[in-house]
Every structure is written in structure tokens, then in C-alpha cells.
PDB file of all heavy atoms in Angstrom:
ATOM      1  N   THR A   1     -82.972  79.067 108.178  1.00  0.00           N
ATOM      2  CA  THR A   1     -83.261  77.838 108.926  1.00  0.00           C
ATOM      3  C   THR A   1     -84.754  77.737 109.219  1.00  0.00           C
ATOM      4  O   THR A   1     -85.359  76.682 109.052  1.00  0.00           O
ATOM      5  CB  THR A   1     -82.461  77.820 110.234  1.00  0.00           C
ATOM      6  OG1 THR A   1     -81.077  77.976 109.933  1.00  0.00           O
ATOM      7  CG2 THR A   1     -82.664  76.535 110.993  1.00  0.00           C
ATOM      8  N   GLN A   2     -85.344  78.827 109.636  1.00  0.00           N
ATOM      9  CA  GLN A   2     -86.775  78.841 109.956  1.00  0.00           C
ATOM     10  C   GLN A   2     -87.610  78.506 108.718  1.00  0.00           C
ATOM     11  O   GLN A   2     -88.515  77.664 108.784  1.00  0.00           O
ATOM     12  CB  GLN A   2     -87.155  80.214 110.498  1.00  0.00           C
ATOM     13  CG  GLN A   2     -88.593  80.337 110.908  1.00  0.00           C
ATOM     14  CD  GLN A   2     -88.917  81.749 111.397  1.00  0.00           C
ATOM     15  OE1 GLN A   2     -88.166  82.695 111.147  1.00  0.00           O
ATOM     16  NE2 GLN A   2     -90.025  81.890 112.087  1.00  0.00           N
ATOM     17  N   VAL A   3     -87.316  79.145 107.602  1.00  0.00           N
ATOM     18  CA  VAL A   3     -88.064  78.898 106.369  1.00  0.00           C
ATOM     19  C   VAL A   3     -87.875  77.451 105.915  1.00  0.00           C
ATOM     20  O   VAL A   3     -88.823  76.791 105.481  1.00  0.00           O
ATOM     21  CB  VAL A   3     -87.631  79.886 105.262  1.00  0.00           C
ATOM     22  CG1 VAL A   3     -88.214  79.502 103.925  1.00  0.00           C
ATOM     23  CG2 VAL A   3     -88.039  81.293 105.636  1.00  0.00           C
ATOM     24  N   SER A   4     -86.647  76.927 106.027  1.00  0.00           N
ATOM     25  CA  SER A   4     -86.381  75.547 105.617  1.00  0.00           C
ATOM     26  C   SER A   4     -87.179  74.561 106.461  1.00  0.00           C
ATOM     27  O   SER A   4     -87.758  73.607 105.939  1.00  0.00           O
ATOM     28  CB  SER A   4     -84.894  75.237 105.733  1.00  0.00           C
ATOM     29  OG  SER A   4     -84.151  76.022 104.850  1.00  0.00           O
ATOM     30  N   PHE A   5     -87.210  74.782 107.775  1.00  0.00           N
ATOM     31  CA  PHE A   5     -87.952  73.866 108.628  1.00  0.00           C
ATOM     32  C   PHE A   5     -89.456  73.941 108.375  1.00  0.00           C
ATOM     33  O   PHE A   5     -90.149  72.929 108.426  1.00  0.00           O
ATOM     34  CB  PHE A   5     -87.626  74.092 110.100  1.00  0.00           C
ATOM     35  CG  PHE A   5     -86.285  73.532 110.495  1.00  0.00           C
ATOM     36  CD1 PHE A   5     -85.352  74.327 111.116  1.00  0.00           C
ATOM     37  CD2 PHE A   5     -85.941  72.222 110.208  1.00  0.00           C
ATOM     38  CE1 PHE A   5     -84.112  73.832 111.463  1.00  0.00           C
ATOM     39  CE2 PHE A   5     -84.711  71.709 110.549  1.00  0.00           C
ATOM     40  CZ  PHE A   5     -83.791  72.514 111.182  1.00  0.00           C
ATOM     41  N   TYR A   6     -89.976  75.131 108.078  1.00  0.00           N
ATOM     42  CA  TYR A   6     -91.385  75.236 107.691  1.00  0.00           C
ATOM     43  C   TYR A   6     -91.649  74.445 106.409  1.00  0.00           C
ATOM     44  O   TYR A   6     -92.664  73.769 106.286  1.00  0.00           O
ATOM     45  CB  TYR A   6     -91.805  76.690 107.485  1.00  0.00           C
ATOM     46  CG  TYR A   6     -91.998  77.472 108.757  1.00  0.00           C
ATOM     47  CD1 TYR A   6     -91.618  78.803 108.820  1.00  0.00           C
ATOM     48  CD2 TYR A   6     -92.568  76.903 109.888  1.00  0.00           C
ATOM     49  CE1 TYR A   6     -91.787  79.545 109.974  1.00  0.00           C
ATOM     50  CE2 TYR A   6     -92.736  77.632 111.043  1.00  0.00           C
ATOM     51  CZ  TYR A   6     -92.353  78.950 111.083  1.00  0.00           C
ATOM     52  OH  TYR A   6     -92.524  79.678 112.222  1.00  0.00           O
ATOM     53  N   TYR A   7     -90.712  74.536 105.465  1.00  0.00           N
ATOM     54  CA  TYR A   7     -90.839  73.811 104.196  1.00  0.00           C
ATOM     55  C   TYR A   7     -90.868  72.299 104.433  1.00  0.00           C
ATOM     56  O   TYR A   7     -91.749  71.599 103.937  1.00  0.00           O
ATOM     57  CB  TYR A   7     -89.674  74.192 103.282  1.00  0.00           C
ATOM     58  CG  TYR A   7     -89.578  73.373 102.023  1.00  0.00           C
ATOM     59  CD1 TYR A   7     -90.418  73.618 100.946  1.00  0.00           C
ATOM     60  CD2 TYR A   7     -88.657  72.344 101.912  1.00  0.00           C
ATOM     61  CE1 TYR A   7     -90.326  72.870  99.787  1.00  0.00           C
ATOM     62  CE2 TYR A   7     -88.558  71.594 100.760  1.00  0.00           C
ATOM     63  CZ  TYR A   7     -89.399  71.859  99.707  1.00  0.00           C
ATOM     64  OH  TYR A   7     -89.307  71.106  98.575  1.00  0.00           O
ATOM     65  N   TYR A   8     -89.911  71.802 105.214  1.00  0.00           N
ATOM     66  CA  TYR A   8     -89.846  70.356 105.466  1.00  0.00           C
ATOM     67  C   TYR A   8     -91.037  69.884 106.301  1.00  0.00           C
ATOM     68  O   TYR A   8     -91.564  68.800 106.093  1.00  0.00           O
ATOM     69  CB  TYR A   8     -88.529  69.984 106.141  1.00  0.00           C
ATOM     70  CG  TYR A   8     -87.344  70.151 105.229  1.00  0.00           C
ATOM     71  CD1 TYR A   8     -86.286  70.976 105.562  1.00  0.00           C
ATOM     72  CD2 TYR A   8     -87.287  69.495 104.000  1.00  0.00           C
ATOM     73  CE1 TYR A   8     -85.208  71.142 104.718  1.00  0.00           C
ATOM     74  CE2 TYR A   8     -86.219  69.657 103.146  1.00  0.00           C
ATOM     75  CZ  TYR A   8     -85.177  70.474 103.507  1.00  0.00           C
ATOM     76  OH  TYR A   8     -84.125  70.631 102.674  1.00  0.00           O
ATOM     77  N   ARG A   9     -91.486  70.724 107.232  1.00  0.00           N
ATOM     78  CA  ARG A   9     -92.652  70.346 108.032  1.00  0.00           C
ATOM     79  C   ARG A   9     -93.893  70.233 107.154  1.00  0.00           C
ATOM     80  O   ARG A   9     -94.695  69.317 107.302  1.00  0.00           O
ATOM     81  CB  ARG A   9     -92.873  71.366 109.146  1.00  0.00           C
ATOM     82  CG  ARG A   9     -94.002  70.945 110.091  1.00  0.00           C
ATOM     83  CD  ARG A   9     -94.161  71.899 111.214  1.00  0.00           C
ATOM     84  NE  ARG A   9     -94.673  73.171 110.683  1.00  0.00           N
ATOM     85  CZ  ARG A   9     -94.831  74.257 111.391  1.00  0.00           C
ATOM     86  NH1 ARG A   9     -94.509  74.266 112.658  1.00  0.00           N
ATOM     87  NH2 ARG A   9     -95.310  75.350 110.835  1.00  0.00           N
ATOM     88  N   SER A  10     -94.049  71.159 106.210  1.00  0.00           N
ATOM     89  CA  SER A  10     -95.214  71.097 105.327  1.00  0.00           C
ATOM     90  C   SER A  10     -95.152  69.864 104.437  1.00  0.00           C
ATOM     91  O   SER A  10     -96.174  69.254 104.144  1.00  0.00           O
ATOM     92  CB  SER A  10     -95.334  72.361 104.488  1.00  0.00           C
ATOM     93  OG  SER A  10     -94.292  72.441 103.537  1.00  0.00           O
ATOM     94  N   LEU A  11     -93.945  69.480 104.007  1.00  0.00           N
ATOM     95  CA  LEU A  11     -93.817  68.253 103.212  1.00  0.00           C
ATOM     96  C   LEU A  11     -94.255  67.031 104.017  1.00  0.00           C
ATOM     97  O   LEU A  11     -94.984  66.173 103.512  1.00  0.00           O
ATOM     98  CB  LEU A  11     -92.366  68.054 102.761  1.00  0.00           C
ATOM     99  CG  LEU A  11     -91.887  68.854 101.581  1.00  0.00           C
ATOM    100  CD1 LEU A  11     -90.418  68.536 101.308  1.00  0.00           C
ATOM    101  CD2 LEU A  11     -92.702  68.567 100.344  1.00  0.00           C
ATOM    102  N   VAL A  12     -93.804  66.966 105.264  1.00  0.00           N
ATOM    103  CA  VAL A  12     -94.159  65.831 106.115  1.00  0.00           C
ATOM    104  C   VAL A  12     -95.658  65.821 106.376  1.00  0.00           C
ATOM    105  O   VAL A  12     -96.299  64.769 106.352  1.00  0.00           O
ATOM    106  CB  VAL A  12     -93.357  65.880 107.437  1.00  0.00           C
ATOM    107  CG1 VAL A  12     -93.882  64.867 108.435  1.00  0.00           C
ATOM    108  CG2 VAL A  12     -91.879  65.647 107.158  1.00  0.00           C
ATOM    109  N   GLN A  13     -96.242  66.997 106.609  1.00  0.00           N
ATOM    110  CA  GLN A  13     -97.677  67.061 106.872  1.00  0.00           C
ATOM    111  C   GLN A  13     -98.476  66.641 105.649  1.00  0.00           C
ATOM    112  O   GLN A  13     -99.507  65.984 105.775  1.00  0.00           O
ATOM    113  CB  GLN A  13     -98.069  68.466 107.307  1.00  0.00           C
ATOM    114  CG  GLN A  13     -97.633  68.793 108.712  1.00  0.00           C
ATOM    115  CD  GLN A  13     -97.941  70.221 109.102  1.00  0.00           C
ATOM    116  OE1 GLN A  13     -98.203  71.068 108.251  1.00  0.00           O
ATOM    117  NE2 GLN A  13     -97.878  70.502 110.384  1.00  0.00           N
ATOM    118  N   LYS A  14     -98.008  67.012 104.446  1.00  0.00           N
ATOM    119  CA  LYS A  14     -98.704  66.604 103.222  1.00  0.00           C
ATOM    120  C   LYS A  14     -98.672  65.096 103.083  1.00  0.00           C
ATOM    121  O   LYS A  14     -99.679  64.468 102.748  1.00  0.00           O
ATOM    122  CB  LYS A  14     -98.062  67.250 101.992  1.00  0.00           C
ATOM    123  CG  LYS A  14     -98.350  68.711 101.832  1.00  0.00           C
ATOM    124  CD  LYS A  14     -97.648  69.272 100.608  1.00  0.00           C
ATOM    125  CE  LYS A  14     -97.793  70.769 100.517  1.00  0.00           C
ATOM    126  NZ  LYS A  14     -97.025  71.328  99.397  1.00  0.00           N
ATOM    127  N   GLU A  15     -97.512  64.490 103.321  1.00  0.00           N
ATOM    128  CA  GLU A  15     -97.386  63.035 103.215  1.00  0.00           C
ATOM    129  C   GLU A  15     -98.258  62.343 104.259  1.00  0.00           C
ATOM    130  O   GLU A  15     -98.921  61.360 103.967  1.00  0.00           O
ATOM    131  CB  GLU A  15     -95.922  62.602 103.376  1.00  0.00           C
ATOM    132  CG  GLU A  15     -95.054  62.964 102.201  1.00  0.00           C
ATOM    133  CD  GLU A  15     -95.525  62.314 100.907  1.00  0.00           C
ATOM    134  OE1 GLU A  15     -95.855  61.118 100.916  1.00  0.00           O
ATOM    135  OE2 GLU A  15     -95.565  63.012  99.888  1.00  0.00           O
ATOM    136  N   THR A  16     -98.270  62.880 105.473  1.00  0.00           N
ATOM    137  CA  THR A  16     -99.086  62.304 106.540  1.00  0.00           C
ATOM    138  C   THR A  16    -100.559  62.420 106.179  1.00  0.00           C
ATOM    139  O   THR A  16    -101.333  61.473 106.379  1.00  0.00           O
ATOM    140  CB  THR A  16     -98.809  63.011 107.875  1.00  0.00           C
ATOM    141  OG1 THR A  16     -97.413  62.941 108.145  1.00  0.00           O
ATOM    142  CG2 THR A  16     -99.581  62.368 109.006  1.00  0.00           C
ATOM    143  N   LYS A  17    -100.961  63.543 105.629  1.00  0.00           N
ATOM    144  CA  LYS A  17    -102.358  63.743 105.234  1.00  0.00           C
ATOM    145  C   LYS A  17    -102.752  62.756 104.142  1.00  0.00           C
ATOM    146  O   LYS A  17    -103.825  62.162 104.190  1.00  0.00           O
ATOM    147  CB  LYS A  17    -102.563  65.184 104.747  1.00  0.00           C
ATOM    148  CG  LYS A  17    -103.991  65.530 104.457  1.00  0.00           C
ATOM    149  CD  LYS A  17    -104.137  66.988 104.079  1.00  0.00           C
ATOM    150  CE  LYS A  17    -105.579  67.321 103.773  1.00  0.00           C
ATOM    151  NZ  LYS A  17    -105.758  68.714 103.372  1.00  0.00           N
ATOM    152  N   LYS A  18    -101.860  62.551 103.161  1.00  0.00           N
ATOM    153  CA  LYS A  18    -102.145  61.579 102.101  1.00  0.00           C
ATOM    154  C   LYS A  18    -102.282  60.179 102.678  1.00  0.00           C
ATOM    155  O   LYS A  18    -103.182  59.419 102.293  1.00  0.00           O
ATOM    156  CB  LYS A  18    -101.020  61.582 101.058  1.00  0.00           C
ATOM    157  CG  LYS A  18    -101.009  62.787 100.169  1.00  0.00           C
ATOM    158  CD  LYS A  18     -99.854  62.707  99.185  1.00  0.00           C
ATOM    159  CE  LYS A  18     -99.735  63.971  98.367  1.00  0.00           C
ATOM    160  NZ  LYS A  18     -98.564  63.924  97.461  1.00  0.00           N
ATOM    161  N   GLN A  19    -101.405  59.815 103.603  1.00  0.00           N
ATOM    162  CA  GLN A  19    -101.471  58.486 104.220  1.00  0.00           C
ATOM    163  C   GLN A  19    -102.772  58.316 104.997  1.00  0.00           C
ATOM    164  O   GLN A  19    -103.407  57.255 104.938  1.00  0.00           O
ATOM    165  CB  GLN A  19    -100.273  58.268 105.133  1.00  0.00           C
ATOM    166  CG  GLN A  19     -98.968  58.106 104.388  1.00  0.00           C
ATOM    167  CD  GLN A  19     -97.774  58.044 105.317  1.00  0.00           C
ATOM    168  OE1 GLN A  19     -97.895  58.283 106.514  1.00  0.00           O
ATOM    169  NE2 GLN A  19     -96.622  57.732 104.752  1.00  0.00           N
ATOM    170  N   LEU A  20    -103.180  59.350 105.731  1.00  0.00           N
ATOM    171  CA  LEU A  20    -104.430  59.270 106.492  1.00  0.00           C
ATOM    172  C   LEU A  20    -105.639  59.149 105.563  1.00  0.00           C
ATOM    173  O   LEU A  20    -106.580  58.399 105.845  1.00  0.00           O
ATOM    174  CB  LEU A  20    -104.587  60.486 107.401  1.00  0.00           C
ATOM    175  CG  LEU A  20    -103.685  60.521 108.630  1.00  0.00           C
ATOM    176  CD1 LEU A  20    -103.827  61.852 109.353  1.00  0.00           C
ATOM    177  CD2 LEU A  20    -103.992  59.373 109.558  1.00  0.00           C
ATOM    178  N   GLU A  21    -105.621  59.902 104.451  1.00  0.00           N
ATOM    179  CA  GLU A  21    -106.725  59.811 103.492  1.00  0.00           C
ATOM    180  C   GLU A  21    -106.798  58.414 102.884  1.00  0.00           C
ATOM    181  O   GLU A  21    -107.884  57.851 102.734  1.00  0.00           O
ATOM    182  CB  GLU A  21    -106.563  60.868 102.406  1.00  0.00           C
ATOM    183  CG  GLU A  21    -106.843  62.278 102.879  1.00  0.00           C
ATOM    184  CD  GLU A  21    -106.505  63.332 101.838  1.00  0.00           C
ATOM    185  OE1 GLU A  21    -105.956  62.985 100.769  1.00  0.00           O
ATOM    186  OE2 GLU A  21    -106.800  64.516 102.094  1.00  0.00           O
ATOM    187  N   ASN A  22    -105.646  57.850 102.529  1.00  0.00           N
ATOM    188  CA  ASN A  22    -105.624  56.491 101.977  1.00  0.00           C
ATOM    189  C   ASN A  22    -106.119  55.478 102.997  1.00  0.00           C
ATOM    190  O   ASN A  22    -106.875  54.564 102.654  1.00  0.00           O
ATOM    191  CB  ASN A  22    -104.215  56.123 101.507  1.00  0.00           C
ATOM    192  CG  ASN A  22    -103.795  56.887 100.269  1.00  0.00           C
ATOM    193  OD1 ASN A  22    -104.632  57.402  99.536  1.00  0.00           O
ATOM    194  ND2 ASN A  22    -102.503  56.974 100.049  1.00  0.00           N
ATOM    195  N   LEU A  23    -105.696  55.626 104.244  1.00  0.00           N
ATOM    196  CA  LEU A  23    -106.140  54.725 105.297  1.00  0.00           C
ATOM    197  C   LEU A  23    -107.643  54.852 105.509  1.00  0.00           C
ATOM    198  O   LEU A  23    -108.344  53.841 105.662  1.00  0.00           O
ATOM    199  CB  LEU A  23    -105.388  55.033 106.589  1.00  0.00           C
ATOM    200  CG  LEU A  23    -105.697  54.135 107.780  1.00  0.00           C
ATOM    201  CD1 LEU A  23    -105.319  52.693 107.474  1.00  0.00           C
ATOM    202  CD2 LEU A  23    -104.956  54.628 109.003  1.00  0.00           C
ATOM    203  N   GLN A  24    -108.158  56.077 105.475  1.00  0.00           N
ATOM    204  CA  GLN A  24    -109.591  56.298 105.643  1.00  0.00           C
ATOM    205  C   GLN A  24    -110.375  55.628 104.518  1.00  0.00           C
ATOM    206  O   GLN A  24    -111.410  55.002 104.758  1.00  0.00           O
ATOM    207  CB  GLN A  24    -109.886  57.790 105.684  1.00  0.00           C
ATOM    208  CG  GLN A  24    -111.343  58.118 105.912  1.00  0.00           C
ATOM    209  CD  GLN A  24    -111.595  59.621 105.905  1.00  0.00           C
ATOM    210  OE1 GLN A  24    -110.718  60.397 105.550  1.00  0.00           O
ATOM    211  NE2 GLN A  24    -112.787  60.002 106.306  1.00  0.00           N
ATOM    212  N   LYS A  25    -109.892  55.737 103.283  1.00  0.00           N
ATOM    213  CA  LYS A  25    -110.555  55.101 102.148  1.00  0.00           C
ATOM    214  C   LYS A  25    -110.554  53.583 102.290  1.00  0.00           C
ATOM    215  O   LYS A  25    -111.554  52.927 102.004  1.00  0.00           O
ATOM    216  CB  LYS A  25    -109.877  55.509 100.839  1.00  0.00           C
ATOM    217  CG  LYS A  25    -110.135  56.942 100.444  1.00  0.00           C
ATOM    218  CD  LYS A  25    -109.384  57.312  99.180  1.00  0.00           C
ATOM    219  CE  LYS A  25    -109.563  58.786  98.842  1.00  0.00           C
ATOM    220  NZ  LYS A  25    -108.792  59.198  97.667  1.00  0.00           N
ATOM    221  N   GLU A  26    -109.425  53.024 102.737  1.00  0.00           N
ATOM    222  CA  GLU A  26    -109.344  51.571 102.920  1.00  0.00           C
ATOM    223  C   GLU A  26    -110.320  51.106 103.995  1.00  0.00           C
ATOM    224  O   GLU A  26    -111.011  50.087 103.819  1.00  0.00           O
ATOM    225  CB  GLU A  26    -107.920  51.172 103.299  1.00  0.00           C
ATOM    226  CG  GLU A  26    -106.926  51.294 102.164  1.00  0.00           C
ATOM    227  CD  GLU A  26    -105.514  50.963 102.602  1.00  0.00           C
ATOM    228  OE1 GLU A  26    -105.353  50.252 103.612  1.00  0.00           O
ATOM    229  OE2 GLU A  26    -104.580  51.416 101.923  1.00  0.00           O
ATOM    230  N   VAL A  27    -110.374  51.842 105.100  1.00  0.00           N
ATOM    231  CA  VAL A  27    -111.285  51.476 106.188  1.00  0.00           C
ATOM    232  C   VAL A  27    -112.729  51.585 105.713  1.00  0.00           C
ATOM    233  O   VAL A  27    -113.565  50.718 106.019  1.00  0.00           O
ATOM    234  CB  VAL A  27    -111.026  52.365 107.425  1.00  0.00           C
ATOM    235  CG1 VAL A  27    -112.126  52.203 108.465  1.00  0.00           C
ATOM    236  CG2 VAL A  27    -109.669  52.047 108.029  1.00  0.00           C
ATOM    237  N   GLN A  28    -113.034  52.618 104.938  1.00  0.00           N
ATOM    238  CA  GLN A  28    -114.387  52.801 104.423  1.00  0.00           C
ATOM    239  C   GLN A  28    -114.759  51.643 103.498  1.00  0.00           C
ATOM    240  O   GLN A  28    -115.870  51.103 103.581  1.00  0.00           O
ATOM    241  CB  GLN A  28    -114.475  54.126 103.683  1.00  0.00           C
ATOM    242  CG  GLN A  28    -115.873  54.494 103.252  1.00  0.00           C
ATOM    243  CD  GLN A  28    -115.903  55.865 102.577  1.00  0.00           C
ATOM    244  OE1 GLN A  28    -114.873  56.422 102.232  1.00  0.00           O
ATOM    245  NE2 GLN A  28    -117.103  56.395 102.416  1.00  0.00           N
ATOM    246  N   LYS A  29    -113.845  51.237 102.625  1.00  0.00           N
ATOM    247  CA  LYS A  29    -114.111  50.111 101.724  1.00  0.00           C
ATOM    248  C   LYS A  29    -114.343  48.820 102.509  1.00  0.00           C
ATOM    249  O   LYS A  29    -115.244  48.049 102.189  1.00  0.00           O
ATOM    250  CB  LYS A  29    -112.944  49.915 100.750  1.00  0.00           C
ATOM    251  CG  LYS A  29    -112.857  50.976  99.685  1.00  0.00           C
ATOM    252  CD  LYS A  29    -111.661  50.742  98.785  1.00  0.00           C
ATOM    253  CE  LYS A  29    -111.492  51.862  97.783  1.00  0.00           C
ATOM    254  NZ  LYS A  29    -110.283  51.679  96.950  1.00  0.00           N
ATOM    255  N   GLU A  30    -113.524  48.603 103.531  1.00  0.00           N
ATOM    256  CA  GLU A  30    -113.691  47.402 104.355  1.00  0.00           C
ATOM    257  C   GLU A  30    -115.031  47.426 105.099  1.00  0.00           C
ATOM    258  O   GLU A  30    -115.706  46.397 105.203  1.00  0.00           O
ATOM    259  CB  GLU A  30    -112.536  47.278 105.350  1.00  0.00           C
ATOM    260  CG  GLU A  30    -111.230  46.874 104.731  1.00  0.00           C
ATOM    261  CD  GLU A  30    -111.266  45.490 104.128  1.00  0.00           C
ATOM    262  OE1 GLU A  30    -111.868  44.572 104.732  1.00  0.00           O
ATOM    263  OE2 GLU A  30    -110.707  45.321 103.029  1.00  0.00           O
ATOM    264  N   ALA A  31    -115.412  48.598 105.599  1.00  0.00           N
ATOM    265  CA  ALA A  31    -116.690  48.703 106.318  1.00  0.00           C
ATOM    266  C   ALA A  31    -117.856  48.429 105.378  1.00  0.00           C
ATOM    267  O   ALA A  31    -118.802  47.711 105.732  1.00  0.00           O
ATOM    268  CB  ALA A  31    -116.823  50.084 106.945  1.00  0.00           C
ATOM    269  N   ILE A  32    -117.796  49.001 104.165  1.00  0.00           N
ATOM    270  CA  ILE A  32    -118.859  48.761 103.181  1.00  0.00           C
ATOM    271  C   ILE A  32    -118.917  47.289 102.814  1.00  0.00           C
ATOM    272  O   ILE A  32    -119.995  46.696 102.735  1.00  0.00           O
ATOM    273  CB  ILE A  32    -118.651  49.650 101.935  1.00  0.00           C
ATOM    274  CG1 ILE A  32    -118.920  51.109 102.300  1.00  0.00           C
ATOM    275  CG2 ILE A  32    -119.544  49.209 100.786  1.00  0.00           C
ATOM    276  CD1 ILE A  32    -118.563  52.091 101.209  1.00  0.00           C
ATOM    277  N   LYS A  33    -117.768  46.683 102.619  1.00  0.00           N
ATOM    278  CA  LYS A  33    -117.712  45.257 102.267  1.00  0.00           C
ATOM    279  C   LYS A  33    -118.316  44.399 103.377  1.00  0.00           C
ATOM    280  O   LYS A  33    -119.104  43.478 103.121  1.00  0.00           O
ATOM    281  CB  LYS A  33    -116.258  44.858 102.014  1.00  0.00           C
ATOM    282  CG  LYS A  33    -116.083  43.438 101.570  1.00  0.00           C
ATOM    283  CD  LYS A  33    -114.611  43.163 101.307  1.00  0.00           C
ATOM    284  CE  LYS A  33    -114.400  41.695 100.960  1.00  0.00           C
ATOM    285  NZ  LYS A  33    -112.982  41.386 100.758  1.00  0.00           N
ATOM    286  N   THR A  34    -117.978  44.730 104.617  1.00  0.00           N
ATOM    287  CA  THR A  34    -118.511  43.979 105.756  1.00  0.00           C
ATOM    288  C   THR A  34    -120.017  44.145 105.854  1.00  0.00           C
ATOM    289  O   THR A  34    -120.756  43.169 106.077  1.00  0.00           O
ATOM    290  CB  THR A  34    -117.844  44.451 107.064  1.00  0.00           C
ATOM    291  OG1 THR A  34    -116.429  44.331 106.937  1.00  0.00           O
ATOM    292  CG2 THR A  34    -118.317  43.649 108.246  1.00  0.00           C
ATOM    293  N   LEU A  35    -120.511  45.375 105.676  1.00  0.00           N
ATOM    294  CA  LEU A  35    -121.952  45.619 105.725  1.00  0.00           C
ATOM    295  C   LEU A  35    -122.684  44.876 104.608  1.00  0.00           C
ATOM    296  O   LEU A  35    -123.762  44.328 104.819  1.00  0.00           O
ATOM    297  CB  LEU A  35    -122.246  47.114 105.634  1.00  0.00           C
ATOM    298  CG  LEU A  35    -121.959  47.934 106.887  1.00  0.00           C
ATOM    299  CD1 LEU A  35    -122.119  49.419 106.599  1.00  0.00           C
ATOM    300  CD2 LEU A  35    -122.863  47.507 108.019  1.00  0.00           C
ATOM    301  N   GLU A  36    -122.083  44.876 103.403  1.00  0.00           N
ATOM    302  CA  GLU A  36    -122.706  44.173 102.280  1.00  0.00           C
ATOM    303  C   GLU A  36    -122.785  42.684 102.552  1.00  0.00           C
ATOM    304  O   GLU A  36    -123.802  42.041 102.259  1.00  0.00           O
ATOM    305  CB  GLU A  36    -121.911  44.434 100.990  1.00  0.00           C
ATOM    306  CG  GLU A  36    -122.091  45.816 100.431  1.00  0.00           C
ATOM    307  CD  GLU A  36    -121.220  46.068  99.204  1.00  0.00           C
ATOM    308  OE1 GLU A  36    -120.322  45.255  98.912  1.00  0.00           O
ATOM    309  OE2 GLU A  36    -121.433  47.104  98.544  1.00  0.00           O
ATOM    310  N   GLU A  37    -121.730  42.130 103.129  1.00  0.00           N
ATOM    311  CA  GLU A  37    -121.726  40.695 103.416  1.00  0.00           C
ATOM    312  C   GLU A  37    -122.751  40.333 104.483  1.00  0.00           C
ATOM    313  O   GLU A  37    -123.451  39.325 104.360  1.00  0.00           O
ATOM    314  CB  GLU A  37    -120.328  40.253 103.875  1.00  0.00           C
ATOM    315  CG  GLU A  37    -119.291  40.248 102.776  1.00  0.00           C
ATOM    316  CD  GLU A  37    -117.908  39.936 103.293  1.00  0.00           C
ATOM    317  OE1 GLU A  37    -117.716  39.786 104.531  1.00  0.00           O
ATOM    318  OE2 GLU A  37    -116.990  39.880 102.456  1.00  0.00           O
ATOM    319  N   LYS A  38    -122.872  41.147 105.510  1.00  0.00           N
ATOM    320  CA  LYS A  38    -123.789  40.825 106.604  1.00  0.00           C
ATOM    321  C   LYS A  38    -125.240  41.088 106.242  1.00  0.00           C
ATOM    322  O   LYS A  38    -126.129  40.356 106.650  1.00  0.00           O
ATOM    323  CB  LYS A  38    -123.408  41.617 107.858  1.00  0.00           C
ATOM    324  CG  LYS A  38    -122.132  41.120 108.481  1.00  0.00           C
ATOM    325  CD  LYS A  38    -121.865  41.793 109.786  1.00  0.00           C
ATOM    326  CE  LYS A  38    -120.623  41.181 110.414  1.00  0.00           C
ATOM    327  NZ  LYS A  38    -120.368  41.686 111.734  1.00  0.00           N
TER     328      LYS A  38
END
């Protein structure tokens, strides 16, 4: 049970990390676009 929960927790953390990285890239692109326009 302990090993299984560590496995599932790591899967969730990987997915969360990917989502945060994608969100960071989107925010960075929007910031660059806004700076270029202004």
C-alpha cells in the first residue's frame, strides 16, 4: 500500500509539474506579447 501510494503520488506530481510548466510558458508568451505591443 505504501509503495503504491508513493507511485500514484509521483504520477500526480509529474502531471502537476507539467501543467505548471505549461502555464508558466503561456504566461511568459503573453507577457512578451504585451511588452512587444506596448
